[in-house]
Amino acid sequence: MDSSATKVTDNPEEHRFELTVDGRLAGHVEYRLLSDTIVFTHTEVDPAFNGRGLGSVLARAVLDSARERELAVVAQCPFVRRWIEKHPDYADLVSDSASEEASGA
């Protein structure tokens, strides 16, 4: 995969991060933004782009963004939750208190 053709951008109006490949929407991660917490609710990659590791590209990008913005992460989305479990260097972003806050929101 040519990484220069892959881009992840935040689309706050749609409450999602979008992944484009060669200018085409290839996938997205939906989120809810609370005061100091981001809740990832759903991840989707277009089947036309399957098998290219784009889900991982997307997960890493949204978690890097959360880290840069100093947001706690709640991974309600099973894909993002599993990705964090496989990449423990991102586990510090997940907060138990943030999970309780998000479920009560």
Protein backbone atom coordinates (compact mmCIF):
# COMPACT_ATOMS: atom_id res chain seq x y z
CA MET A 1 0.00 0.00 0.00
CA ASP A 2 1.33 3.46 -0.90
CA SER A 3 1.02 5.39 2.36
CA SER A 4 1.28 8.75 0.59
CA ALA A 5 -2.11 8.03 -1.02
CA THR A 6 -3.70 7.28 2.38
CA LYS A 7 -5.03 10.08 4.57
CA VAL A 8 -7.03 10.17 7.82
CA THR A 9 -8.87 13.38 8.69
CA ASP A 10 -11.28 14.40 11.42
CA ASN A 11 -14.72 15.41 10.15
CA PRO A 12 -16.23 16.98 13.29
CA GLU A 13 -19.49 17.89 11.54
CA GLU A 14 -20.13 14.17 10.93
CA HIS A 15 -18.55 13.07 14.25
CA ARG A 16 -16.13 10.75 12.54
CA PHE A 17 -12.58 10.33 11.33
CA GLU A 18 -12.44 9.50 7.62
CA LEU A 19 -9.85 7.44 5.79
CA THR A 20 -9.32 8.20 2.13
CA VAL A 21 -7.21 6.26 -0.36
CA ASP A 22 -6.37 8.05 -3.59
CA GLY A 23 -9.10 10.56 -2.73
CA ARG A 24 -11.80 7.89 -2.26
CA LEU A 25 -13.52 7.36 1.08
CA ALA A 26 -12.31 3.95 2.24
CA GLY A 27 -13.48 3.88 5.84
CA HIS A 28 -14.35 5.79 8.98
CA VAL A 29 -14.48 5.69 12.77
CA GLU A 30 -17.52 7.31 14.38
CA TYR A 31 -17.14 9.03 17.74
CA ARG A 32 -18.81 11.06 20.47
CA LEU A 33 -16.77 13.82 22.04
CA LEU A 34 -17.34 14.50 25.74
CA SER A 35 -15.49 17.13 27.78
CA ASP A 36 -12.11 15.38 27.98
CA THR A 37 -13.05 11.99 26.52
CA ILE A 38 -13.56 10.60 23.05
CA VAL A 39 -15.86 7.60 22.68
CA PHE A 40 -15.21 5.50 19.56
CA THR A 41 -18.55 3.91 18.68
CA HIS A 42 -18.18 2.29 15.25
CA THR A 43 -15.50 1.49 12.67
CA GLU A 44 -16.18 0.61 9.08
CA VAL A 45 -13.92 -0.09 6.09
CA ASP A 46 -15.41 -0.37 2.61
CA PRO A 47 -15.19 -4.03 1.52
CA ALA A 48 -13.51 -2.88 -1.71
CA PHE A 49 -10.48 -1.97 0.44
CA ASN A 50 -10.38 -5.13 2.60
CA GLY A 51 -7.10 -6.93 3.13
CA ARG A 52 -4.93 -3.83 2.94
CA GLY A 53 -4.52 -3.18 6.67
CA LEU A 54 -6.55 0.01 6.50
CA GLY A 55 -8.47 -0.74 9.69
CA SER A 56 -5.16 -0.65 11.55
CA VAL A 57 -4.12 2.56 9.81
CA LEU A 58 -7.42 4.10 10.89
CA ALA A 59 -7.25 2.83 14.49
CA ARG A 60 -3.67 4.06 14.96
CA ALA A 61 -4.53 7.49 13.51
CA VAL A 62 -7.59 8.06 15.72
CA LEU A 63 -5.74 6.94 18.84
CA ASP A 64 -2.74 9.12 17.97
CA SER A 65 -5.15 12.03 17.59
CA ALA A 66 -6.67 11.31 21.00
CA ARG A 67 -3.19 11.24 22.53
CA GLU A 68 -2.22 14.54 20.87
CA ARG A 69 -5.45 16.16 22.11
CA GLU A 70 -4.93 14.65 25.61
CA LEU A 71 -8.31 12.90 25.50
CA ALA A 72 -9.19 9.78 27.44
CA VAL A 73 -10.49 6.99 25.20
CA VAL A 74 -13.57 4.82 25.55
CA ALA A 75 -13.55 2.05 22.95
CA GLN A 76 -17.18 1.00 22.62
CA CYS A 77 -16.38 -0.13 19.09
CA PRO A 78 -15.23 -3.79 19.21
CA PHE A 79 -12.65 -3.24 16.45
CA VAL A 80 -10.93 -0.36 18.26
CA ARG A 81 -11.12 -2.25 21.58
CA ARG A 82 -9.44 -5.33 20.05
CA TRP A 83 -6.84 -3.15 18.32
CA ILE A 84 -5.87 -1.55 21.65
CA GLU A 85 -5.62 -5.01 23.25
CA LYS A 86 -3.16 -6.04 20.50
CA HIS A 87 -1.18 -2.79 20.85
CA PRO A 88 -0.66 -2.30 24.60
CA ASP A 89 1.35 0.89 24.02
CA TYR A 90 -2.07 2.54 23.53
CA ALA A 91 -3.67 1.06 26.68
CA ASP A 92 -2.72 4.13 28.73
CA LEU A 93 -5.32 6.13 26.76
CA VAL A 94 -8.20 4.01 28.09
CA SER A 95 -9.66 5.25 31.34
CA ASP A 96 -12.02 3.31 33.61
CA SER A 97 -13.54 6.53 34.92
CA ALA A 98 -14.02 7.74 31.34
CA SER A 99 -15.85 4.49 30.55
CA GLU A 100 -18.27 5.09 33.41
CA GLU A 101 -18.82 8.69 32.32
CA ALA A 102 -19.46 7.66 28.71
CA SER A 103 -21.95 4.94 29.62
CA GLY A 104 -23.91 7.40 31.72
CA ALA A 105 -23.95 10.06 29.00
